[in-house]
Amino acid sequence: MGWGERQGQWLRRRRLDGAINRVPVGFYQKVWKILQKCHGLSIDGYVLPSSTTQEMTPQEIKFAVHVESVLNRVPQPEYRQLLVEAIMVLTLLSDTEMNSIGGIIHVDQIVHMANQLFLQDQ
């Protein structure tokens, strides 16, 4: 299988996962943990504030719906899926002993920087 075919498979997979709003198991609880350690997550220009963790519990359906409402502002399903994947990588930070990650984390900027690094390596 060539590079172009693999790229096409990844694009189709991300487009499908993003279109059906598929997220990994425990995703919303992990987002909640990240929000406890930063001031918010900026996703495509909209901020999911850390104050949300004071208003809702990680298991609340209302919290999952709130996170989805932010993700659903992203019109391209494959880009939405990349944002979900980037958030999952950020959850590794929430599992550390670090008390605070800092201010607002710009998830979309992380994805764009990762893409630039990928393109430089090609």
N, C-alpha and C. Protein backbone atom coordinates (compact mmCIF):
# COMPACT_ATOMS: atom_id res chain seq x y z
N MET A 1 0.86 -1.18 0.00
CA MET A 1 0.00 0.00 0.00
C MET A 1 0.89 1.23 0.00
N GLY A 2 0.65 2.14 -0.93
CA GLY A 2 1.46 3.34 -1.07
C GLY A 2 1.07 4.42 -0.09
N TRP A 3 1.91 5.46 -0.03
CA TRP A 3 1.67 6.57 0.89
C TRP A 3 0.34 7.25 0.59
N GLY A 4 0.03 7.45 -0.69
CA GLY A 4 -1.22 8.11 -1.07
C GLY A 4 -2.45 7.33 -0.63
N GLU A 5 -2.38 6.00 -0.74
CA GLU A 5 -3.51 5.16 -0.29
C GLU A 5 -3.69 5.25 1.21
N ARG A 6 -2.57 5.19 1.95
CA ARG A 6 -2.66 5.30 3.42
C ARG A 6 -3.23 6.64 3.83
N GLN A 7 -2.79 7.70 3.15
CA GLN A 7 -3.30 9.04 3.45
C GLN A 7 -4.80 9.09 3.18
N GLY A 8 -5.24 8.50 2.08
CA GLY A 8 -6.66 8.46 1.75
C GLY A 8 -7.47 7.69 2.78
N GLN A 9 -6.91 6.59 3.30
CA GLN A 9 -7.60 5.82 4.33
C GLN A 9 -7.75 6.64 5.61
N TRP A 10 -6.68 7.34 6.00
CA TRP A 10 -6.75 8.15 7.21
C TRP A 10 -7.76 9.28 7.06
N LEU A 11 -7.78 9.89 5.88
CA LEU A 11 -8.74 10.97 5.63
C LEU A 11 -10.16 10.44 5.72
N ARG A 12 -10.42 9.31 5.08
CA ARG A 12 -11.77 8.72 5.14
C ARG A 12 -12.16 8.36 6.57
N ARG A 13 -11.22 7.78 7.31
CA ARG A 13 -11.49 7.37 8.69
C ARG A 13 -11.80 8.60 9.56
N ARG A 14 -10.98 9.62 9.43
CA ARG A 14 -11.20 10.84 10.23
C ARG A 14 -12.49 11.54 9.81
N ARG A 15 -12.77 11.56 8.54
CA ARG A 15 -14.00 12.18 8.06
C ARG A 15 -15.22 11.44 8.62
N LEU A 16 -15.18 10.12 8.60
CA LEU A 16 -16.28 9.32 9.13
C LEU A 16 -16.43 9.51 10.64
N ASP A 17 -15.32 9.37 11.38
CA ASP A 17 -15.37 9.54 12.83
C ASP A 17 -15.87 10.93 13.22
N GLY A 18 -15.39 11.94 12.51
CA GLY A 18 -15.82 13.31 12.79
C GLY A 18 -17.28 13.54 12.44
N ALA A 19 -17.73 12.93 11.35
CA ALA A 19 -19.12 13.13 10.91
C ALA A 19 -20.12 12.50 11.86
N ILE A 20 -19.74 11.37 12.47
CA ILE A 20 -20.68 10.72 13.40
C ILE A 20 -20.39 11.09 14.85
N ASN A 21 -19.54 12.09 15.04
CA ASN A 21 -19.20 12.60 16.38
C ASN A 21 -18.65 11.51 17.30
N ARG A 22 -17.83 10.64 16.74
CA ARG A 22 -17.24 9.55 17.52
C ARG A 22 -16.10 10.10 18.36
N VAL A 23 -16.11 9.75 19.64
CA VAL A 23 -15.02 10.11 20.55
C VAL A 23 -14.60 8.86 21.31
N PRO A 24 -13.36 8.82 21.80
CA PRO A 24 -12.89 7.66 22.56
C PRO A 24 -13.65 7.50 23.88
N VAL A 25 -13.63 6.29 24.40
CA VAL A 25 -14.26 6.00 25.69
C VAL A 25 -13.61 6.88 26.76
N GLY A 26 -14.42 7.49 27.60
CA GLY A 26 -13.92 8.33 28.68
C GLY A 26 -13.47 9.72 28.24
N PHE A 27 -13.77 10.09 27.01
CA PHE A 27 -13.30 11.37 26.46
C PHE A 27 -13.76 12.56 27.29
N TYR A 28 -15.04 12.61 27.62
CA TYR A 28 -15.58 13.79 28.31
C TYR A 28 -15.01 13.91 29.72
N GLN A 29 -14.83 12.79 30.40
CA GLN A 29 -14.22 12.82 31.73
C GLN A 29 -12.78 13.32 31.65
N LYS A 30 -12.09 12.95 30.59
CA LYS A 30 -10.70 13.40 30.41
C LYS A 30 -10.65 14.89 30.09
N VAL A 31 -11.60 15.37 29.30
CA VAL A 31 -11.68 16.81 29.02
C VAL A 31 -11.90 17.57 30.33
N TRP A 32 -12.77 17.05 31.17
CA TRP A 32 -13.07 17.67 32.46
C TRP A 32 -11.79 17.78 33.30
N LYS A 33 -10.96 16.71 33.30
CA LYS A 33 -9.71 16.73 34.06
C LYS A 33 -8.73 17.77 33.51
N ILE A 34 -8.69 17.91 32.18
CA ILE A 34 -7.81 18.94 31.59
C ILE A 34 -8.28 20.32 32.03
N LEU A 35 -9.59 20.54 31.98
CA LEU A 35 -10.14 21.85 32.34
C LEU A 35 -9.85 22.23 33.79
N GLN A 36 -9.64 21.23 34.64
CA GLN A 36 -9.29 21.52 36.03
C GLN A 36 -7.86 22.04 36.16
N LYS A 37 -7.04 21.82 35.14
CA LYS A 37 -5.63 22.19 35.21
C LYS A 37 -5.25 23.37 34.33
N CYS A 38 -6.22 23.95 33.62
CA CYS A 38 -5.93 25.10 32.77
C CYS A 38 -7.10 26.08 32.87
N HIS A 39 -7.03 27.17 32.15
CA HIS A 39 -8.10 28.17 32.18
C HIS A 39 -9.17 27.91 31.14
N GLY A 40 -8.89 26.99 30.23
CA GLY A 40 -9.87 26.66 29.21
C GLY A 40 -9.22 26.06 27.98
N LEU A 41 -10.05 25.51 27.11
CA LEU A 41 -9.60 24.96 25.84
C LEU A 41 -10.21 25.80 24.72
N SER A 42 -9.37 26.34 23.87
CA SER A 42 -9.84 27.10 22.72
C SER A 42 -9.90 26.15 21.53
N ILE A 43 -11.10 26.02 20.98
CA ILE A 43 -11.33 25.12 19.85
C ILE A 43 -11.96 25.92 18.74
N ASP A 44 -11.18 26.14 17.69
CA ASP A 44 -11.64 26.86 16.51
C ASP A 44 -12.25 28.22 16.86
N GLY A 45 -11.59 28.93 17.79
CA GLY A 45 -12.02 30.28 18.15
C GLY A 45 -13.04 30.35 19.27
N TYR A 46 -13.51 29.23 19.77
CA TYR A 46 -14.47 29.23 20.86
C TYR A 46 -13.81 28.61 22.09
N VAL A 47 -13.95 29.26 23.24
CA VAL A 47 -13.28 28.78 24.46
C VAL A 47 -14.26 27.99 25.32
N LEU A 48 -13.83 26.79 25.67
CA LEU A 48 -14.54 25.98 26.66
C LEU A 48 -13.86 26.31 27.99
N PRO A 49 -14.50 27.14 28.84
CA PRO A 49 -13.83 27.65 30.03
C PRO A 49 -13.69 26.60 31.14
N SER A 50 -12.66 26.78 31.96
CA SER A 50 -12.45 25.87 33.08
C SER A 50 -13.55 25.99 34.12
N SER A 51 -14.25 27.11 34.15
CA SER A 51 -15.34 27.28 35.11
C SER A 51 -16.45 26.25 34.90
N THR A 52 -16.46 25.63 33.74
CA THR A 52 -17.45 24.59 33.45
C THR A 52 -17.35 23.45 34.46
N THR A 53 -16.13 23.19 34.97
CA THR A 53 -15.96 22.09 35.92
C THR A 53 -16.60 22.40 37.28
N GLN A 54 -16.86 23.68 37.54
CA GLN A 54 -17.52 24.06 38.79
C GLN A 54 -19.03 23.97 38.67
N GLU A 55 -19.50 23.97 37.42
CA GLU A 55 -20.94 23.94 37.17
C GLU A 55 -21.48 22.55 36.90
N MET A 56 -20.60 21.64 36.46
CA MET A 56 -21.04 20.30 36.06
C MET A 56 -20.02 19.26 36.51
N THR A 57 -20.49 18.03 36.66
CA THR A 57 -19.59 16.93 37.00
C THR A 57 -19.10 16.26 35.72
N PRO A 58 -18.01 15.50 35.80
CA PRO A 58 -17.48 14.88 34.57
C PRO A 58 -18.41 13.84 33.95
N GLN A 59 -19.28 13.23 34.74
CA GLN A 59 -20.18 12.20 34.22
C GLN A 59 -21.51 12.75 33.73
N GLU A 60 -21.76 14.03 33.96
CA GLU A 60 -23.04 14.61 33.57
C GLU A 60 -23.21 14.64 32.06
N ILE A 61 -24.39 14.26 31.62
CA ILE A 61 -24.72 14.33 30.19
C ILE A 61 -24.63 15.79 29.74
N LYS A 62 -25.03 16.70 30.61
CA LYS A 62 -24.99 18.12 30.28
C LYS A 62 -23.57 18.57 29.93
N PHE A 63 -22.58 18.02 30.63
CA PHE A 63 -21.19 18.37 30.33
C PHE A 63 -20.79 17.84 28.96
N ALA A 64 -21.13 16.59 28.67
CA ALA A 64 -20.82 16.00 27.36
C ALA A 64 -21.47 16.80 26.24
N VAL A 65 -22.71 17.20 26.45
CA VAL A 65 -23.43 17.99 25.44
C VAL A 65 -22.75 19.35 25.25
N HIS A 66 -22.27 19.93 26.34
CA HIS A 66 -21.57 21.22 26.26
C HIS A 66 -20.28 21.09 25.45
N VAL A 67 -19.51 20.04 25.71
CA VAL A 67 -18.27 19.80 24.96
C VAL A 67 -18.61 19.57 23.49
N GLU A 68 -19.63 18.77 23.22
CA GLU A 68 -20.04 18.50 21.84
C GLU A 68 -20.49 19.77 21.12
N SER A 69 -21.15 20.66 21.86
CA SER A 69 -21.60 21.90 21.22
C SER A 69 -20.42 22.74 20.75
N VAL A 70 -19.31 22.67 21.47
CA VAL A 70 -18.10 23.38 21.05
C VAL A 70 -17.48 22.68 19.85
N LEU A 71 -17.36 21.36 19.91
CA LEU A 71 -16.77 20.61 18.80
C LEU A 71 -17.61 20.70 17.53
N ASN A 72 -18.92 20.78 17.70
CA ASN A 72 -19.80 20.82 16.54
C ASN A 72 -19.77 22.16 15.80
N ARG A 73 -19.07 23.15 16.35
CA ARG A 73 -18.89 24.42 15.64
C ARG A 73 -17.89 24.26 14.50
N VAL A 74 -17.14 23.17 14.51
CA VAL A 74 -16.14 22.90 13.47
C VAL A 74 -16.87 22.26 12.29
N PRO A 75 -16.90 22.94 11.13
CA PRO A 75 -17.69 22.42 10.01
C PRO A 75 -17.09 21.21 9.30
N GLN A 76 -15.76 21.05 9.32
CA GLN A 76 -15.14 19.94 8.62
C GLN A 76 -14.98 18.75 9.58
N PRO A 77 -15.61 17.61 9.27
CA PRO A 77 -15.56 16.47 10.18
C PRO A 77 -14.15 15.92 10.40
N GLU A 78 -13.30 15.93 9.37
CA GLU A 78 -11.95 15.39 9.54
C GLU A 78 -11.11 16.31 10.44
N TYR A 79 -11.36 17.62 10.38
CA TYR A 79 -10.65 18.56 11.25
C TYR A 79 -11.16 18.43 12.68
N ARG A 80 -12.46 18.23 12.84
CA ARG A 80 -13.04 17.99 14.16
C ARG A 80 -12.37 16.78 14.80
N GLN A 81 -12.19 15.72 14.01
CA GLN A 81 -11.58 14.50 14.53
C GLN A 81 -10.12 14.74 14.92
N LEU A 82 -9.40 15.54 14.16
CA LEU A 82 -8.03 15.88 14.54
C LEU A 82 -7.99 16.64 15.86
N LEU A 83 -8.97 17.51 16.07
CA LEU A 83 -9.06 18.24 17.34
C LEU A 83 -9.32 17.28 18.50
N VAL A 84 -10.21 16.31 18.29
CA VAL A 84 -10.49 15.29 19.31
C VAL A 84 -9.20 14.53 19.63
N GLU A 85 -8.46 14.14 18.60
CA GLU A 85 -7.21 13.41 18.80
C GLU A 85 -6.19 14.26 19.55
N ALA A 86 -6.11 15.54 19.24
CA ALA A 86 -5.18 16.43 19.94
C ALA A 86 -5.58 16.57 21.41
N ILE A 87 -6.87 16.65 21.67
CA ILE A 87 -7.35 16.74 23.05
C ILE A 87 -6.98 15.47 23.81
N MET A 88 -7.08 14.32 23.15
CA MET A 88 -6.70 13.06 23.80
C MET A 88 -5.22 13.06 24.17
N VAL A 89 -4.38 13.64 23.33
CA VAL A 89 -2.96 13.74 23.66
C VAL A 89 -2.78 14.66 24.87
N LEU A 90 -3.55 15.74 24.91
CA LEU A 90 -3.47 16.66 26.05
C LEU A 90 -3.89 15.99 27.35
N THR A 91 -4.76 14.99 27.26
CA THR A 91 -5.21 14.31 28.48
C THR A 91 -4.06 13.61 29.18
N LEU A 92 -3.00 13.29 28.45
CA LEU A 92 -1.83 12.69 29.08
C LEU A 92 -1.23 13.65 30.11
N LEU A 93 -1.33 14.95 29.84
CA LEU A 93 -0.84 15.95 30.80
C LEU A 93 -1.69 15.97 32.06
N SER A 94 -2.99 15.75 31.90
CA SER A 94 -3.87 15.80 33.07
C SER A 94 -3.64 14.61 33.99
N ASP A 95 -3.00 13.56 33.48
CA ASP A 95 -2.71 12.39 34.30
C ASP A 95 -1.41 12.54 35.09
N THR A 96 -0.67 13.63 34.85
CA THR A 96 0.58 13.84 35.58
C THR A 96 0.29 14.52 36.91
N GLU A 97 1.32 14.64 37.71
CA GLU A 97 1.18 15.28 39.02
C GLU A 97 1.17 16.80 38.93
N MET A 98 1.27 17.34 37.73
CA MET A 98 1.29 18.79 37.53
C MET A 98 -0.04 19.39 38.00
N ASN A 99 0.03 20.42 38.83
CA ASN A 99 -1.18 21.05 39.34
C ASN A 99 -1.85 21.95 38.32
N SER A 100 -1.04 22.63 37.50
CA SER A 100 -1.58 23.57 36.54
C SER A 100 -0.80 23.50 35.23
N ILE A 101 -1.52 23.50 34.13
CA ILE A 101 -0.90 23.52 32.81
C ILE A 101 -0.69 24.97 32.37
N GLY A 102 -1.52 25.86 32.85
CA GLY A 102 -1.37 27.27 32.49
C GLY A 102 -2.67 27.90 32.07
N GLY A 103 -2.59 28.83 31.14
CA GLY A 103 -3.75 29.59 30.69
C GLY A 103 -4.66 28.80 29.78
N ILE A 104 -5.12 29.45 28.74
CA ILE A 104 -6.01 28.81 27.77
C ILE A 104 -5.15 28.03 26.78
N ILE A 105 -5.51 26.78 26.56
CA ILE A 105 -4.80 25.92 25.61
C ILE A 105 -5.51 26.03 24.27
N HIS A 106 -4.79 26.46 23.26
CA HIS A 106 -5.35 26.63 21.91
C HIS A 106 -5.15 25.34 21.13
N VAL A 107 -6.15 24.47 21.19
CA VAL A 107 -6.06 23.15 20.56
C VAL A 107 -5.89 23.28 19.06
N ASP A 108 -6.59 24.21 18.44
CA ASP A 108 -6.48 24.37 16.99
C ASP A 108 -5.07 24.79 16.59
N GLN A 109 -4.40 25.59 17.41
CA GLN A 109 -3.02 25.99 17.10
C GLN A 109 -2.07 24.80 17.22
N ILE A 110 -2.34 23.92 18.18
CA ILE A 110 -1.52 22.71 18.33
C ILE A 110 -1.64 21.85 17.08
N VAL A 111 -2.86 21.69 16.58
CA VAL A 111 -3.09 20.88 15.37
C VAL A 111 -2.38 21.52 14.18
N HIS A 112 -2.48 22.84 14.04
CA HIS A 112 -1.82 23.52 12.92
C HIS A 112 -0.30 23.40 13.01
N MET A 113 0.25 23.54 14.22
CA MET A 113 1.70 23.39 14.39
C MET A 113 2.14 21.97 14.07
N ALA A 114 1.37 20.99 14.51
CA ALA A 114 1.70 19.59 14.21
C ALA A 114 1.68 19.34 12.71
N ASN A 115 0.72 19.93 12.02
CA ASN A 115 0.64 19.77 10.57
C ASN A 115 1.85 20.41 9.89
N GLN A 116 2.25 21.59 10.36
CA GLN A 116 3.43 22.25 9.79
C GLN A 116 4.69 21.40 9.98
N LEU A 117 4.83 20.80 11.17
CA LEU A 117 5.99 19.94 11.42
C LEU A 117 5.95 18.71 10.52
N PHE A 118 4.76 18.16 10.33
CA PHE A 118 4.60 17.01 9.44
C PHE A 118 5.00 17.37 8.01
N LEU A 119 4.54 18.52 7.54
CA LEU A 119 4.85 18.94 6.17
C LEU A 119 6.34 19.21 5.97
N GLN A 120 7.00 19.72 7.01
CA GLN A 120 8.44 19.96 6.93
C GLN A 120 9.22 18.66 6.79
N ASP A 121 8.70 17.60 7.40
CA ASP A 121 9.38 16.30 7.34
C ASP A 121 9.19 15.57 6.02
N GLN A 122 8.28 16.04 5.20
CA GLN A 122 7.99 15.35 3.92
C GLN A 122 9.02 15.65 2.88
